[in-house]
Each structure stands twice: as C-alpha cells, then as structure tokens.
Amino acid sequence: MGRVARYELANTVSRLETAAADLEEAAASNLAIFKAARTEGTARAELARSRRARMLPRRKDLDKVTRYETHLERSLSRMLRQLQEMRAPDDPDALPSEE
C-alpha cells in the first residue's frame, strides 16, 4: 500500500470515527429529548385527565345524584304539605296549600 493510500485510509477512518462519535452524541441527545417529551406528554395527559375528573362527575354518578335530589325534593314538599294540613285546624293563619 502506498503512502498516499495509507494517508487517505487514515483520513477516512478518522472521519468515520468522528462521524460515529457525532452520531452517538446525537442519538443520546435525541433519546434524552424523547424521554423528556414522553414524560412531559404523560404528565400533560395525566393533568388533563385529572382536570376532567374534577370538573364533573361521570354521567352515571350525575344521574344518580339528580335522582336522589328529585326524591328528596318531593319528600320535602310532601312533608311540608302534611305539616300545613296538620296545622290548619289549629292555626287559622296557616299557609294555604299550594295545590
């Protein structure tokens, strides 16, 4: 092998080693960026999910609360009506029934 060929071979090997080192550095950097983005994306998704969870109950739970509220409201109205009916004979100033 001639002197020029050895020089070109050494120069090529040097450039390849530099390129390999640059690729390794870029890969490590990209991996760190990917991990940070994945962690950030996961954190953002978790934050969004928890915000949605705190805003409104699930549809099933909301329906149940609405049914309970309606039941309690009807019970209260019925009890008030009964109280008015019980007081009516004794108290001439009792509120008239809303029916």
Protein backbone atom coordinates (compact mmCIF):
# COMPACT_ATOMS: atom_id res chain seq x y z
CA MET A 1 0.00 0.00 0.00
CA GLY A 2 1.39 3.36 -0.96
CA ARG A 3 1.91 6.38 1.21
CA VAL A 4 -1.00 8.27 -0.34
CA ALA A 5 -3.33 5.32 0.06
CA ARG A 6 -2.39 4.97 3.74
CA TYR A 7 -2.91 8.68 4.25
CA GLU A 8 -6.35 8.53 2.57
CA LEU A 9 -7.27 5.42 4.56
CA ALA A 10 -6.20 7.06 7.85
CA ASN A 11 -8.09 10.22 6.91
CA THR A 12 -11.23 8.23 6.05
CA VAL A 13 -11.01 6.23 9.30
CA SER A 14 -10.61 9.46 11.24
CA ARG A 15 -13.66 11.00 9.56
CA LEU A 16 -15.66 7.80 10.19
CA GLU A 17 -14.68 7.80 13.86
CA THR A 18 -15.68 11.47 14.14
CA ALA A 19 -18.97 10.77 12.37
CA ALA A 20 -19.62 7.77 14.64
CA ALA A 21 -18.95 9.89 17.73
CA ASP A 22 -21.25 12.61 16.38
CA LEU A 23 -23.97 10.03 15.70
CA GLU A 24 -23.65 8.60 19.20
CA GLU A 25 -23.89 12.07 20.69
CA ALA A 26 -26.91 12.91 18.53
CA ALA A 27 -28.57 9.61 19.42
CA ALA A 28 -28.03 10.23 23.13
CA SER A 29 -29.38 13.75 22.80
CA ASN A 30 -32.41 12.56 20.83
CA LEU A 31 -33.04 9.82 23.37
CA ALA A 32 -32.97 12.37 26.20
CA ILE A 33 -35.32 14.64 24.26
CA PHE A 34 -37.64 11.70 23.54
CA LYS A 35 -37.71 10.64 27.19
CA ALA A 36 -38.40 14.20 28.32
CA ALA A 37 -41.16 14.60 25.74
CA ARG A 38 -42.68 11.26 26.67
CA THR A 39 -42.56 12.15 30.36
CA GLU A 40 -43.93 15.61 29.65
CA GLY A 41 -46.62 14.15 27.38
CA THR A 42 -47.56 11.63 30.03
CA ALA A 43 -47.62 14.36 32.67
CA ARG A 44 -49.77 16.57 30.45
CA ALA A 45 -52.16 13.71 29.72
CA GLU A 46 -52.41 12.89 33.43
CA LEU A 47 -53.02 16.55 34.28
CA ALA A 48 -55.72 16.82 31.62
CA ARG A 49 -57.35 13.61 32.87
CA SER A 50 -57.35 14.77 36.48
CA ARG A 51 -58.79 18.15 35.49
CA ARG A 52 -61.61 16.45 33.60
CA ALA A 53 -62.23 14.15 36.55
CA ARG A 54 -62.53 17.10 38.94
CA MET A 55 -64.79 19.15 36.69
CA LEU A 56 -67.85 16.93 36.51
CA PRO A 57 -68.75 13.55 37.86
CA ARG A 58 -69.30 10.71 35.45
CA ARG A 59 -72.67 10.65 33.69
CA LYS A 60 -73.80 7.64 35.74
CA ASP A 61 -72.98 9.38 39.03
CA LEU A 62 -74.56 12.62 37.91
CA ASP A 63 -77.79 10.81 37.02
CA LYS A 64 -77.82 9.13 40.43
CA VAL A 65 -77.35 12.47 42.23
CA THR A 66 -80.15 14.01 40.16
CA ARG A 67 -82.50 11.14 41.08
CA TYR A 68 -81.65 11.50 44.78
CA GLU A 69 -82.15 15.25 44.63
CA THR A 70 -85.55 14.83 42.96
CA HIS A 71 -86.55 12.23 45.53
CA LEU A 72 -85.55 14.48 48.44
CA GLU A 73 -87.30 17.49 46.93
CA ARG A 74 -90.55 15.53 46.53
CA SER A 75 -90.27 14.16 50.07
CA LEU A 76 -89.73 17.64 51.47
CA SER A 77 -92.72 19.02 49.55
CA ARG A 78 -94.90 16.15 50.77
CA MET A 79 -93.83 16.71 54.40
CA LEU A 80 -94.46 20.44 54.20
CA ARG A 81 -97.92 19.78 52.78
CA GLN A 82 -98.65 17.32 55.60
CA LEU A 83 -97.43 19.84 58.18
CA GLN A 84 -99.70 22.51 56.73
CA GLU A 85 -102.65 20.11 56.80
CA MET A 86 -101.91 19.21 60.42
CA ARG A 87 -101.67 22.88 61.49
CA ALA A 88 -104.67 24.09 59.51
CA PRO A 89 -107.40 23.14 62.03
CA ASP A 90 -105.47 24.74 64.94
CA ASP A 91 -104.00 27.80 63.24
CA PRO A 92 -106.28 30.00 61.16
CA ASP A 93 -103.20 31.88 59.84
CA ALA A 94 -101.57 28.72 58.45
CA LEU A 95 -100.36 28.99 54.91
CA PRO A 96 -102.80 27.64 52.36
CA SER A 97 -101.82 24.62 50.36
CA GLU A 98 -100.07 25.31 47.06
CA GLU A 99 -102.18 22.80 45.14
